[in-house]
Amino acid sequence: MITESVYASGVIKGENQYQVYSTVNGLVDKVLVSEGDLVKKGTPVIQLVSSIARMNAENAGITATYSSVSSNAERLNELENNISFARLKLENDASLLERQKNLWAQKIGTRIAFEQRELEYRNSLNAYETAKLRHAETLKQLRFQEQQSRKNLQIVQTSANDYIIKSEGDGQVYDILKKAGEMVTPQTAVAIIGDADRFLIELQIDEYDIAKVKTGQKIMVNMDSYRGKTFEAKVTRIIPYMNERSKSFTIEAVFVKAPPTLYANLTCEANIVISQKDKALTIPRDYLLDGDYVLLQKDKKQKVSTGLMDYKRVEILGGLKGNENLIKPQ
């Protein structure tokens, strides 16, 4: 049997493996987990120095409390008392105006006295309307300030929470990349987290070979940590994007039967099985000359046509009968 395969190299990765980043710049205050710890989504991983953020949050909390409607009850009560006083004065001036009006109808009093009463009534009416308007505008302003200060408090609290870097999902802490006192930026990872017991294989495929690779194909995997052993896997995903620097594609695979112990970032080599034949005439690959010639006795070169080949053997489709004695090229 001969098998044609594509060579690939790569690493073992935890399923759902990801790097944890901070959203703000800062200094590491405390590392809250250790390598190997199991974490849930939202578990605090690293605490950054947050003195200023904490004080801003406290200050925003004080402002929110001071700006609340309930905290300005005395001010509103005073305005409501002004409305009550203005209403009483308006009612009194309205009564005096009606009385003066009746007297004037009976030709009692002077026109000046009547007009004076009418002016006082209008002034009281304006004062009453102004008192109500001032109360309504103040209440509206206080409610706006209360909502604004609460929203500002939420923003500041969110900013303060940014100084606690948390896990994005369930998993195991593979590595902590920062120590207390070190600087953190949004561009540098602070930890690596992935599944505790589920792993995948990430392989790099040369641009020349990627067209031959399909999902579901069998892979034979070798690892330095399990020397002399080969493990079967299968292609599960082909990422349709070429790395311009390495001119390679990334594919993912899973073990059919995984080794008993795995760790993230173990290196591996693999052969992806493209095709195979149970019965075929094959020769050692290093017996092939210039791609399509073999060397017979008396240094005679024989042209052959080839088929499948792997890293050890090559299939001969024509040019040899199978009983010739080949000579290995020097």
C-alpha atoms as a PDB file:
ATOM      1  CA  MET A   1       0.000   0.000   0.000  1.00  0.00           C
ATOM      2  CA  ILE A   2       1.195   3.518  -0.760  1.00  0.00           C
ATOM      3  CA  THR A   3      -0.172   6.687   0.698  1.00  0.00           C
ATOM      4  CA  GLU A   4       0.152  10.192  -0.692  1.00  0.00           C
ATOM      5  CA  SER A   5       0.290  12.788   2.018  1.00  0.00           C
ATOM      6  CA  VAL A   6       0.956  16.452   2.645  1.00  0.00           C
ATOM      7  CA  TYR A   7       3.436  17.421   5.332  1.00  0.00           C
ATOM      8  CA  ALA A   8       2.452  19.944   7.981  1.00  0.00           C
ATOM      9  CA  SER A   9       3.830  21.218  11.256  1.00  0.00           C
ATOM     10  CA  GLY A  10       2.074  22.928  14.098  1.00  0.00           C
ATOM     11  CA  VAL A  11       1.114  23.025  17.758  1.00  0.00           C
ATOM     12  CA  ILE A  12      -1.485  21.629  20.112  1.00  0.00           C
ATOM     13  CA  LYS A  13      -3.947  24.257  21.282  1.00  0.00           C
ATOM     14  CA  GLY A  14      -6.681  24.210  23.854  1.00  0.00           C
ATOM     15  CA  GLU A  15     -10.136  24.363  22.343  1.00  0.00           C
ATOM     16  CA  ASN A  16     -11.500  27.911  22.642  1.00  0.00           C
ATOM     17  CA  GLN A  17      -7.989  29.075  23.538  1.00  0.00           C
ATOM     18  CA  TYR A  18      -7.672  32.849  23.621  1.00  0.00           C
ATOM     19  CA  GLN A  19      -5.444  35.637  24.890  1.00  0.00           C
ATOM     20  CA  VAL A  20      -6.733  37.976  27.574  1.00  0.00           C
ATOM     21  CA  TYR A  21      -6.223  41.711  27.030  1.00  0.00           C
ATOM     22  CA  SER A  22      -6.773  44.840  29.090  1.00  0.00           C
ATOM     23  CA  THR A  23      -8.944  47.639  27.738  1.00  0.00           C
ATOM     24  CA  VAL A  24      -6.913  50.340  29.526  1.00  0.00           C
ATOM     25  CA  ASN A  25      -3.297  51.235  30.221  1.00  0.00           C
ATOM     26  CA  GLY A  26      -2.058  50.639  33.744  1.00  0.00           C
ATOM     27  CA  LEU A  27       0.262  48.942  36.188  1.00  0.00           C
ATOM     28  CA  VAL A  28      -0.441  45.448  37.493  1.00  0.00           C
ATOM     29  CA  ASP A  29      -1.420  45.682  41.160  1.00  0.00           C
ATOM     30  CA  LYS A  30      -2.281  42.029  41.836  1.00  0.00           C
ATOM     31  CA  VAL A  31      -2.366  38.782  39.860  1.00  0.00           C
ATOM     32  CA  LEU A  32      -5.537  37.081  41.097  1.00  0.00           C
ATOM     33  CA  VAL A  33      -5.132  33.593  39.556  1.00  0.00           C
ATOM     34  CA  SER A  34      -2.353  31.078  38.958  1.00  0.00           C
ATOM     35  CA  GLU A  35      -1.412  28.852  36.035  1.00  0.00           C
ATOM     36  CA  GLY A  36      -3.617  25.760  36.051  1.00  0.00           C
ATOM     37  CA  ASP A  37      -6.541  27.414  37.844  1.00  0.00           C
ATOM     38  CA  LEU A  38     -10.022  26.750  36.487  1.00  0.00           C
ATOM     39  CA  VAL A  39     -11.992  29.935  35.876  1.00  0.00           C
ATOM     40  CA  LYS A  40     -15.538  30.865  34.933  1.00  0.00           C
ATOM     41  CA  LYS A  41     -16.632  33.624  32.567  1.00  0.00           C
ATOM     42  CA  GLY A  42     -16.126  36.947  34.347  1.00  0.00           C
ATOM     43  CA  THR A  43     -13.573  35.643  36.863  1.00  0.00           C
ATOM     44  CA  PRO A  44     -11.124  38.443  37.830  1.00  0.00           C
ATOM     45  CA  VAL A  45      -7.662  37.579  36.500  1.00  0.00           C
ATOM     46  CA  ILE A  46      -5.557  40.686  37.111  1.00  0.00           C
ATOM     47  CA  GLN A  47      -6.169  43.838  39.174  1.00  0.00           C
ATOM     48  CA  LEU A  48      -4.585  47.035  37.864  1.00  0.00           C
ATOM     49  CA  VAL A  49      -3.689  50.021  40.020  1.00  0.00           C
ATOM     50  CA  SER A  50      -6.937  52.008  40.087  1.00  0.00           C
ATOM     51  CA  SER A  51      -6.594  54.725  42.766  1.00  0.00           C
ATOM     52  CA  ILE A  52      -7.617  57.590  40.468  1.00  0.00           C
ATOM     53  CA  ALA A  53     -10.455  55.593  38.914  1.00  0.00           C
ATOM     54  CA  ARG A  54     -11.732  54.653  42.383  1.00  0.00           C
ATOM     55  CA  MET A  55     -11.649  58.276  43.569  1.00  0.00           C
ATOM     56  CA  ASN A  56     -13.430  59.397  40.398  1.00  0.00           C
ATOM     57  CA  ALA A  57     -16.121  56.802  41.069  1.00  0.00           C
ATOM     58  CA  GLU A  58     -16.506  57.973  44.671  1.00  0.00           C
ATOM     59  CA  ASN A  59     -16.700  61.603  43.542  1.00  0.00           C
ATOM     60  CA  ALA A  60     -19.304  60.727  40.907  1.00  0.00           C
ATOM     61  CA  GLY A  61     -21.291  58.899  43.587  1.00  0.00           C
ATOM     62  CA  ILE A  62     -21.270  61.982  45.833  1.00  0.00           C
ATOM     63  CA  THR A  63     -22.370  64.167  42.907  1.00  0.00           C
ATOM     64  CA  ALA A  64     -25.169  61.741  42.036  1.00  0.00           C
ATOM     65  CA  THR A  65     -26.435  61.770  45.621  1.00  0.00           C
ATOM     66  CA  TYR A  66     -26.275  65.576  45.878  1.00  0.00           C
ATOM     67  CA  SER A  67     -28.044  66.005  42.514  1.00  0.00           C
ATOM     68  CA  SER A  68     -30.960  63.698  43.315  1.00  0.00           C
ATOM     69  CA  VAL A  69     -34.464  65.136  43.651  1.00  0.00           C
ATOM     70  CA  SER A  70     -34.827  63.693  47.158  1.00  0.00           C
ATOM     71  CA  SER A  71     -31.657  65.506  48.278  1.00  0.00           C
ATOM     72  CA  ASN A  72     -33.178  68.819  47.136  1.00  0.00           C
ATOM     73  CA  ALA A  73     -36.468  68.383  48.992  1.00  0.00           C
ATOM     74  CA  GLU A  74     -35.955  71.560  51.095  1.00  0.00           C
ATOM     75  CA  ARG A  75     -35.389  73.632  47.971  1.00  0.00           C
ATOM     76  CA  LEU A  76     -38.556  72.234  46.377  1.00  0.00           C
ATOM     77  CA  ASN A  77     -40.532  72.734  49.615  1.00  0.00           C
ATOM     78  CA  GLU A  78     -39.485  76.379  49.640  1.00  0.00           C
ATOM     79  CA  LEU A  79     -40.713  76.837  46.071  1.00  0.00           C
ATOM     80  CA  GLU A  80     -43.988  75.054  46.916  1.00  0.00           C
ATOM     81  CA  ASN A  81     -44.439  77.401  49.914  1.00  0.00           C
ATOM     82  CA  ASN A  82     -43.873  80.347  47.575  1.00  0.00           C
ATOM     83  CA  ILE A  83     -46.633  78.990  45.338  1.00  0.00           C
ATOM     84  CA  SER A  84     -48.995  78.644  48.321  1.00  0.00           C
ATOM     85  CA  PHE A  85     -48.229  82.192  49.509  1.00  0.00           C
ATOM     86  CA  ALA A  86     -48.681  83.600  46.001  1.00  0.00           C
ATOM     87  CA  ARG A  87     -51.975  81.749  45.623  1.00  0.00           C
ATOM     88  CA  LEU A  88     -53.304  83.124  48.945  1.00  0.00           C
ATOM     89  CA  LYS A  89     -52.287  86.659  47.982  1.00  0.00           C
ATOM     90  CA  LEU A  90     -53.912  86.212  44.582  1.00  0.00           C
ATOM     91  CA  GLU A  91     -57.145  85.030  46.200  1.00  0.00           C
ATOM     92  CA  ASN A  92     -57.083  87.959  48.598  1.00  0.00           C
ATOM     93  CA  ASP A  93     -56.382  90.514  45.850  1.00  0.00           C
ATOM     94  CA  ALA A  94     -59.107  88.918  43.703  1.00  0.00           C
ATOM     95  CA  SER A  95     -61.586  89.378  46.590  1.00  0.00           C
ATOM     96  CA  LEU A  96     -60.531  93.009  47.137  1.00  0.00           C
ATOM     97  CA  LEU A  97     -60.804  93.733  43.411  1.00  0.00           C
ATOM     98  CA  GLU A  98     -64.324  92.268  43.283  1.00  0.00           C
ATOM     99  CA  ARG A  99     -65.328  94.402  46.280  1.00  0.00           C
ATOM    100  CA  GLN A 100     -63.831  97.547  44.732  1.00  0.00           C
ATOM    101  CA  LYS A 101     -65.587  96.714  41.491  1.00  0.00           C
ATOM    102  CA  ASN A 102     -68.976  96.546  43.236  1.00  0.00           C
ATOM    103  CA  LEU A 103     -68.325  99.864  45.015  1.00  0.00           C
ATOM    104  CA  TRP A 104     -67.333 101.536  41.765  1.00  0.00           C
ATOM    105  CA  ALA A 105     -70.538 100.229  40.168  1.00  0.00           C
ATOM    106  CA  GLN A 106     -72.419 102.081  42.957  1.00  0.00           C
ATOM    107  CA  LYS A 107     -70.360 105.239  42.287  1.00  0.00           C
ATOM    108  CA  ILE A 108     -68.569 104.770  45.600  1.00  0.00           C
ATOM    109  CA  GLY A 109     -64.823 105.471  45.701  1.00  0.00           C
ATOM    110  CA  THR A 110     -62.546 106.730  42.967  1.00  0.00           C
ATOM    111  CA  ARG A 111     -61.484 105.315  39.638  1.00  0.00           C
ATOM    112  CA  ILE A 112     -57.862 105.511  40.749  1.00  0.00           C
ATOM    113  CA  ALA A 113     -58.616 103.246  43.723  1.00  0.00           C
ATOM    114  CA  PHE A 114     -60.328 100.730  41.388  1.00  0.00           C
ATOM    115  CA  GLU A 115     -57.423 100.729  38.940  1.00  0.00           C
ATOM    116  CA  GLN A 116     -54.978 100.321  41.825  1.00  0.00           C
ATOM    117  CA  ARG A 117     -56.847  97.226  43.039  1.00  0.00           C
ATOM    118  CA  GLU A 118     -56.902  95.839  39.474  1.00  0.00           C
ATOM    119  CA  LEU A 119     -53.129  96.385  39.134  1.00  0.00           C
ATOM    120  CA  GLU A 120     -52.447  94.626  42.438  1.00  0.00           C
ATOM    121  CA  TYR A 121     -54.555  91.657  41.292  1.00  0.00           C
ATOM    122  CA  ARG A 122     -52.640  91.383  38.009  1.00  0.00           C
ATOM    123  CA  ASN A 123     -49.328  91.580  39.854  1.00  0.00           C
ATOM    124  CA  SER A 124     -50.456  88.807  42.206  1.00  0.00           C
ATOM    125  CA  LEU A 125     -51.585  86.689  39.243  1.00  0.00           C
ATOM    126  CA  ASN A 126     -48.177  87.128  37.575  1.00  0.00           C
ATOM    127  CA  ALA A 127     -46.397  86.316  40.839  1.00  0.00           C
ATOM    128  CA  TYR A 128     -48.481  83.141  41.229  1.00  0.00           C
ATOM    129  CA  GLU A 129     -47.796  81.986  37.665  1.00  0.00           C
ATOM    130  CA  THR A 130     -44.107  82.822  38.059  1.00  0.00           C
ATOM    131  CA  ALA A 131     -43.899  80.801  41.302  1.00  0.00           C
ATOM    132  CA  LYS A 132     -45.473  77.769  39.597  1.00  0.00           C
ATOM    133  CA  LEU A 133     -43.170  78.120  36.589  1.00  0.00           C
ATOM    134  CA  ARG A 134     -40.088  78.443  38.809  1.00  0.00           C
ATOM    135  CA  HIS A 135     -41.093  75.271  40.697  1.00  0.00           C
ATOM    136  CA  ALA A 136     -41.695  73.335  37.444  1.00  0.00           C
ATOM    137  CA  GLU A 137     -38.397  74.504  35.885  1.00  0.00           C
ATOM    138  CA  THR A 138     -36.430  73.701  39.046  1.00  0.00           C
ATOM    139  CA  LEU A 139     -37.976  70.223  39.281  1.00  0.00           C
ATOM    140  CA  LYS A 140     -37.210  69.612  35.597  1.00  0.00           C
ATOM    141  CA  GLN A 141     -33.619  70.794  36.058  1.00  0.00           C
ATOM    142  CA  LEU A 142     -33.134  68.633  39.150  1.00  0.00           C
ATOM    143  CA  ARG A 143     -34.482  65.546  37.385  1.00  0.00           C
ATOM    144  CA  PHE A 144     -32.172  66.204  34.431  1.00  0.00           C
ATOM    145  CA  GLN A 145     -29.170  66.669  36.732  1.00  0.00           C
ATOM    146  CA  GLU A 146     -30.109  63.516  38.626  1.00  0.00           C
ATOM    147  CA  GLN A 147     -30.276  61.444  35.418  1.00  0.00           C
ATOM    148  CA  GLN A 148     -27.077  63.001  34.104  1.00  0.00           C
ATOM    149  CA  SER A 149     -25.141  62.395  37.324  1.00  0.00           C
ATOM    150  CA  ARG A 150     -26.406  58.788  37.540  1.00  0.00           C
ATOM    151  CA  LYS A 151     -25.336  58.158  33.951  1.00  0.00           C
ATOM    152  CA  ASN A 152     -21.964  59.735  34.677  1.00  0.00           C
ATOM    153  CA  LEU A 153     -21.663  57.498  37.742  1.00  0.00           C
ATOM    154  CA  GLN A 154     -22.358  54.433  35.574  1.00  0.00           C
ATOM    155  CA  ILE A 155     -19.692  55.549  33.084  1.00  0.00           C
ATOM    156  CA  VAL A 156     -17.120  56.139  35.813  1.00  0.00           C
ATOM    157  CA  GLN A 157     -17.968  52.839  37.512  1.00  0.00           C
ATOM    158  CA  THR A 158     -17.575  51.053  34.171  1.00  0.00           C
ATOM    159  CA  SER A 159     -14.209  52.741  33.713  1.00  0.00           C
ATOM    160  CA  ALA A 160     -13.230  51.642  37.220  1.00  0.00           C
ATOM    161  CA  ASN A 161     -14.275  48.078  36.391  1.00  0.00           C
ATOM    162  CA  ASP A 162     -11.936  48.197  33.383  1.00  0.00           C
ATOM    163  CA  TYR A 163      -9.071  48.079  35.875  1.00  0.00           C
ATOM    164  CA  ILE A 164     -10.132  44.539  36.782  1.00  0.00           C
ATOM    165  CA  ILE A 165      -9.230  42.273  33.843  1.00  0.00           C
ATOM    166  CA  LYS A 166     -11.635  39.314  33.678  1.00  0.00           C
ATOM    167  CA  SER A 167     -11.839  36.027  31.798  1.00  0.00           C
ATOM    168  CA  GLU A 168     -14.054  36.004  28.725  1.00  0.00           C
ATOM    169  CA  GLY A 169     -15.232  32.414  29.165  1.00  0.00           C
ATOM    170  CA  ASP A 170     -14.917  29.202  31.153  1.00  0.00           C
ATOM    171  CA  GLY A 171     -11.597  27.390  30.995  1.00  0.00           C
ATOM    172  CA  GLN A 172      -8.172  26.841  32.495  1.00  0.00           C
ATOM    173  CA  VAL A 173      -5.426  29.425  32.938  1.00  0.00           C
ATOM    174  CA  TYR A 174      -2.564  28.242  30.723  1.00  0.00           C
ATOM    175  CA  ASP A 175      -0.189  31.112  31.357  1.00  0.00           C
ATOM    176  CA  ILE A 176       0.073  34.469  33.148  1.00  0.00           C
ATOM    177  CA  LEU A 177       2.120  36.871  31.020  1.00  0.00           C
ATOM    178  CA  LYS A 178       2.413  39.812  33.445  1.00  0.00           C
ATOM    179  CA  LYS A 179       3.680  40.285  36.999  1.00  0.00           C
ATOM    180  CA  ALA A 180       2.874  42.844  39.699  1.00  0.00           C
ATOM    181  CA  GLY A 181       4.426  46.202  38.854  1.00  0.00           C
ATOM    182  CA  GLU A 182       4.605  45.589  35.106  1.00  0.00           C
ATOM    183  CA  MET A 183       2.939  47.896  32.596  1.00  0.00           C
ATOM    184  CA  VAL A 184      -0.157  46.724  30.736  1.00  0.00           C
ATOM    185  CA  THR A 185      -1.543  48.137  27.479  1.00  0.00           C
ATOM    186  CA  PRO A 186      -4.492  47.108  25.292  1.00  0.00           C
ATOM    187  CA  GLN A 187      -1.979  45.844  22.698  1.00  0.00           C
ATOM    188  CA  THR A 188      -0.284  43.249  24.924  1.00  0.00           C
ATOM    189  CA  ALA A 189      -1.851  40.045  26.232  1.00  0.00           C
ATOM    190  CA  VAL A 190      -1.821  39.467  29.995  1.00  0.00           C
ATOM    191  CA  ALA A 191      -2.871  35.798  30.115  1.00  0.00           C
ATOM    192  CA  ILE A 192      -3.785  32.779  27.985  1.00  0.00           C
ATOM    193  CA  ILE A 193      -6.918  30.746  28.774  1.00  0.00           C
ATOM    194  CA  GLY A 194      -8.447  27.695  27.083  1.00  0.00           C
ATOM    195  CA  ASP A 195     -10.395  24.512  27.731  1.00  0.00           C
ATOM    196  CA  ALA A 196      -8.985  22.318  30.477  1.00  0.00           C
ATOM    197  CA  ASP A 197      -9.438  18.938  28.771  1.00  0.00           C
ATOM    198  CA  ARG A 198     -10.325  19.535  25.113  1.00  0.00           C
ATOM    199  CA  PHE A 199      -7.577  20.193  22.592  1.00  0.00           C
ATOM    200  CA  LEU A 200      -7.212  20.718  18.860  1.00  0.00           C
ATOM    201  CA  ILE A 201      -4.279  20.646  16.453  1.00  0.00           C
ATOM    202  CA  GLU A 202      -3.329  23.808  14.578  1.00  0.00           C
ATOM    203  CA  LEU A 203      -1.220  23.071  11.501  1.00  0.00           C
ATOM    204  CA  GLN A 204       0.543  25.207   8.898  1.00  0.00           C
ATOM    205  CA  ILE A 205       0.169  24.072   5.267  1.00  0.00           C
ATOM    206  CA  ASP A 206       2.329  25.329   2.433  1.00  0.00           C
ATOM    207  CA  GLU A 207       0.580  27.344  -0.272  1.00  0.00           C
ATOM    208  CA  TYR A 208       1.661  24.700  -2.807  1.00  0.00           C
ATOM    209  CA  ASP A 209      -0.285  21.949  -0.999  1.00  0.00           C
ATOM    210  CA  ILE A 210      -3.402  23.685   0.317  1.00  0.00           C
ATOM    211  CA  ALA A 211      -5.576  22.804  -2.707  1.00  0.00           C
ATOM    212  CA  LYS A 212      -5.127  19.118  -1.889  1.00  0.00           C
ATOM    213  CA  VAL A 213      -6.398  19.409   1.681  1.00  0.00           C
ATOM    214  CA  LYS A 214     -10.098  18.809   2.469  1.00  0.00           C
ATOM    215  CA  THR A 215     -12.062  18.626   5.695  1.00  0.00           C
ATOM    216  CA  GLY A 216     -12.495  15.094   6.982  1.00  0.00           C
ATOM    217  CA  GLN A 217      -9.131  13.850   5.663  1.00  0.00           C
ATOM    218  CA  LYS A 218      -7.100  11.571   7.928  1.00  0.00           C
ATOM    219  CA  ILE A 219      -3.940  12.909   9.564  1.00  0.00           C
ATOM    220  CA  MET A 220      -1.097  10.990  11.158  1.00  0.00           C
ATOM    221  CA  VAL A 221       0.405  13.054  13.979  1.00  0.00           C
ATOM    222  CA  ASN A 222       3.785  12.706  15.704  1.00  0.00           C
ATOM    223  CA  MET A 223       4.892  14.625  18.801  1.00  0.00           C
ATOM    224  CA  ASP A 224       8.247  14.877  20.547  1.00  0.00           C
ATOM    225  CA  SER A 225       6.442  14.311  23.850  1.00  0.00           C
ATOM    226  CA  TYR A 226       5.319  10.863  22.547  1.00  0.00           C
ATOM    227  CA  ARG A 227       8.348   9.734  20.557  1.00  0.00           C
ATOM    228  CA  GLY A 228       7.864   6.622  18.481  1.00  0.00           C
ATOM    229  CA  LYS A 229       4.060   6.886  18.604  1.00  0.00           C
ATOM    230  CA  THR A 230       1.676   8.041  15.906  1.00  0.00           C
ATOM    231  CA  PHE A 231      -1.819   9.364  16.601  1.00  0.00           C
ATOM    232  CA  GLU A 232      -4.686   9.611  14.152  1.00  0.00           C
ATOM    233  CA  ALA A 233      -6.594  12.857  13.660  1.00  0.00           C
ATOM    234  CA  LYS A 234      -8.867  14.410  11.055  1.00  0.00           C
ATOM    235  CA  VAL A 235      -9.132  17.807   9.392  1.00  0.00           C
ATOM    236  CA  THR A 236     -12.037  19.832  10.825  1.00  0.00           C
ATOM    237  CA  ARG A 237     -11.425  23.346   9.534  1.00  0.00           C
ATOM    238  CA  ILE A 238      -9.488  25.140   6.810  1.00  0.00           C
ATOM    239  CA  ILE A 239      -9.008  28.845   7.425  1.00  0.00           C
ATOM    240  CA  PRO A 240      -9.346  30.446   3.954  1.00  0.00           C
ATOM    241  CA  TYR A 241      -6.663  33.071   4.419  1.00  0.00           C
ATOM    242  CA  MET A 242      -2.959  32.887   3.537  1.00  0.00           C
ATOM    243  CA  ASN A 243      -0.284  34.325   5.794  1.00  0.00           C
ATOM    244  CA  GLU A 244       1.582  36.618   3.411  1.00  0.00           C
ATOM    245  CA  ARG A 245       4.867  36.342   5.307  1.00  0.00           C
ATOM    246  CA  SER A 246       5.080  32.568   5.577  1.00  0.00           C
ATOM    247  CA  LYS A 247       3.038  31.822   2.431  1.00  0.00           C
ATOM    248  CA  SER A 248       1.107  29.227   4.411  1.00  0.00           C
ATOM    249  CA  PHE A 249      -2.453  28.414   5.401  1.00  0.00           C
ATOM    250  CA  THR A 250      -3.722  27.389   8.837  1.00  0.00           C
ATOM    251  CA  ILE A 251      -5.915  24.340   9.298  1.00  0.00           C
ATOM    252  CA  GLU A 252      -7.402  22.806  12.432  1.00  0.00           C
ATOM    253  CA  ALA A 253      -7.813  19.127  13.298  1.00  0.00           C
ATOM    254  CA  VAL A 254      -8.995  16.975  16.205  1.00  0.00           C
ATOM    255  CA  PHE A 255      -7.643  13.677  17.496  1.00  0.00           C
ATOM    256  CA  VAL A 256      -9.665  10.561  16.737  1.00  0.00           C
ATOM    257  CA  LYS A 257      -8.231   9.187  19.967  1.00  0.00           C
ATOM    258  CA  ALA A 258      -6.227  11.745  21.898  1.00  0.00           C
ATOM    259  CA  PRO A 259      -3.040  10.954  23.843  1.00  0.00           C
ATOM    260  CA  PRO A 260      -3.584  10.460  27.585  1.00  0.00           C
ATOM    261  CA  THR A 261      -1.977  13.790  28.488  1.00  0.00           C
ATOM    262  CA  LEU A 262      -1.832  16.973  26.439  1.00  0.00           C
ATOM    263  CA  TYR A 263      -0.665  20.514  27.060  1.00  0.00           C
ATOM    264  CA  ALA A 264      -1.179  23.669  25.063  1.00  0.00           C
ATOM    265  CA  ASN A 265       1.674  24.635  22.704  1.00  0.00           C
ATOM    266  CA  LEU A 266       3.135  21.123  22.363  1.00  0.00           C
ATOM    267  CA  THR A 267       4.773  20.961  18.947  1.00  0.00           C
ATOM    268  CA  CYS A 268       3.851  18.305  16.398  1.00  0.00           C
ATOM    269  CA  GLU A 269       4.466  17.139  12.849  1.00  0.00           C
ATOM    270  CA  ALA A 270       1.765  15.636  10.688  1.00  0.00           C
ATOM    271  CA  ASN A 271       1.096  13.955   7.367  1.00  0.00           C
ATOM    272  CA  ILE A 272      -2.323  14.630   5.879  1.00  0.00           C
ATOM    273  CA  VAL A 273      -3.447  11.623   3.845  1.00  0.00           C
ATOM    274  CA  ILE A 274      -4.525  12.813   0.396  1.00  0.00           C
ATOM    275  CA  SER A 275      -5.023   9.418  -1.235  1.00  0.00           C
ATOM    276  CA  GLN A 276      -3.850   5.814  -0.911  1.00  0.00           C
ATOM    277  CA  LYS A 277      -3.732   2.517  -2.875  1.00  0.00           C
ATOM    278  CA  ASP A 278      -3.685  -0.956  -1.388  1.00  0.00           C
ATOM    279  CA  LYS A 279      -1.904  -2.532  -4.389  1.00  0.00           C
ATOM    280  CA  ALA A 280       0.783  -0.602  -6.195  1.00  0.00           C
ATOM    281  CA  LEU A 281       4.280  -1.032  -7.601  1.00  0.00           C
ATOM    282  CA  THR A 282       6.512   1.205  -5.495  1.00  0.00           C
ATOM    283  CA  ILE A 283      10.195   1.981  -5.128  1.00  0.00           C
ATOM    284  CA  PRO A 284      12.112   3.952  -2.489  1.00  0.00           C
ATOM    285  CA  ARG A 285      11.764   7.618  -3.226  1.00  0.00           C
ATOM    286  CA  ASP A 286      15.511   8.220  -3.102  1.00  0.00           C
ATOM    287  CA  TYR A 287      15.933   5.807  -6.075  1.00  0.00           C
ATOM    288  CA  LEU A 288      14.230   8.349  -8.347  1.00  0.00           C
ATOM    289  CA  LEU A 289      16.460  10.476 -10.583  1.00  0.00           C
ATOM    290  CA  ASP A 290      15.468  13.898 -11.920  1.00  0.00           C
ATOM    291  CA  GLY A 291      11.852  13.245 -11.047  1.00  0.00           C
ATOM    292  CA  ASP A 292      11.085  10.545 -13.648  1.00  0.00           C
ATOM    293  CA  TYR A 293      14.169   8.308 -14.155  1.00  0.00           C
ATOM    294  CA  VAL A 294      15.600   5.297 -12.354  1.00  0.00           C
ATOM    295  CA  LEU A 295      19.051   3.750 -12.603  1.00  0.00           C
ATOM    296  CA  LEU A 296      19.356   0.130 -13.739  1.00  0.00           C
ATOM    297  CA  GLN A 297      22.399  -2.098 -13.866  1.00  0.00           C
ATOM    298  CA  LYS A 298      25.340  -0.930 -15.965  1.00  0.00           C
ATOM    299  CA  ASP A 299      24.298   2.653 -15.198  1.00  0.00           C
ATOM    300  CA  LYS A 300      21.413   2.480 -17.624  1.00  0.00           C
ATOM    301  CA  LYS A 301      18.810   5.223 -17.033  1.00  0.00           C
ATOM    302  CA  GLN A 302      15.205   4.199 -17.479  1.00  0.00           C
ATOM    303  CA  LYS A 303      12.367   6.702 -17.807  1.00  0.00           C
ATOM    304  CA  VAL A 304       9.327   5.957 -15.651  1.00  0.00           C
ATOM    305  CA  SER A 305       5.930   7.483 -15.002  1.00  0.00           C
ATOM    306  CA  THR A 306       5.045   8.093 -11.358  1.00  0.00           C
ATOM    307  CA  GLY A 307       1.849   8.268  -9.376  1.00  0.00           C
ATOM    308  CA  LEU A 308       1.329   8.598  -5.647  1.00  0.00           C
ATOM    309  CA  MET A 309       4.297   9.322  -3.441  1.00  0.00           C
ATOM    310  CA  ASP A 310       4.959   9.842   0.227  1.00  0.00           C
ATOM    311  CA  TYR A 311       8.083  10.856   2.056  1.00  0.00           C
ATOM    312  CA  LYS A 312       9.537   7.309   1.723  1.00  0.00           C
ATOM    313  CA  ARG A 313       8.167   5.647  -1.421  1.00  0.00           C
ATOM    314  CA  VAL A 314       6.849   6.532  -4.877  1.00  0.00           C
ATOM    315  CA  GLU A 315       4.344   4.663  -7.063  1.00  0.00           C
ATOM    316  CA  ILE A 316       5.543   3.529 -10.524  1.00  0.00           C
ATOM    317  CA  LEU A 317       2.760   3.584 -13.114  1.00  0.00           C
ATOM    318  CA  GLY A 318       4.898   2.631 -16.117  1.00  0.00           C
ATOM    319  CA  GLY A 319       8.462   2.027 -17.322  1.00  0.00           C
ATOM    320  CA  LEU A 320       9.250  -0.846 -14.962  1.00  0.00           C
ATOM    321  CA  LYS A 321       8.022  -4.416 -14.842  1.00  0.00           C
ATOM    322  CA  GLY A 322       8.738  -4.925 -11.198  1.00  0.00           C
ATOM    323  CA  ASN A 323      11.542  -7.465 -11.480  1.00  0.00           C
ATOM    324  CA  GLU A 324      14.345  -5.152 -12.581  1.00  0.00           C
ATOM    325  CA  ASN A 325      17.285  -4.652 -10.287  1.00  0.00           C
ATOM    326  CA  LEU A 326      17.539  -0.972  -9.439  1.00  0.00           C
ATOM    327  CA  ILE A 327      20.680   0.786  -8.331  1.00  0.00           C
ATOM    328  CA  LYS A 328      20.496   3.495  -5.693  1.00  0.00           C
ATOM    329  CA  PRO A 329      21.956   6.743  -7.022  1.00  0.00           C
ATOM    330  CA  GLN A 330      25.078   7.963  -5.235  1.00  0.00           C
END
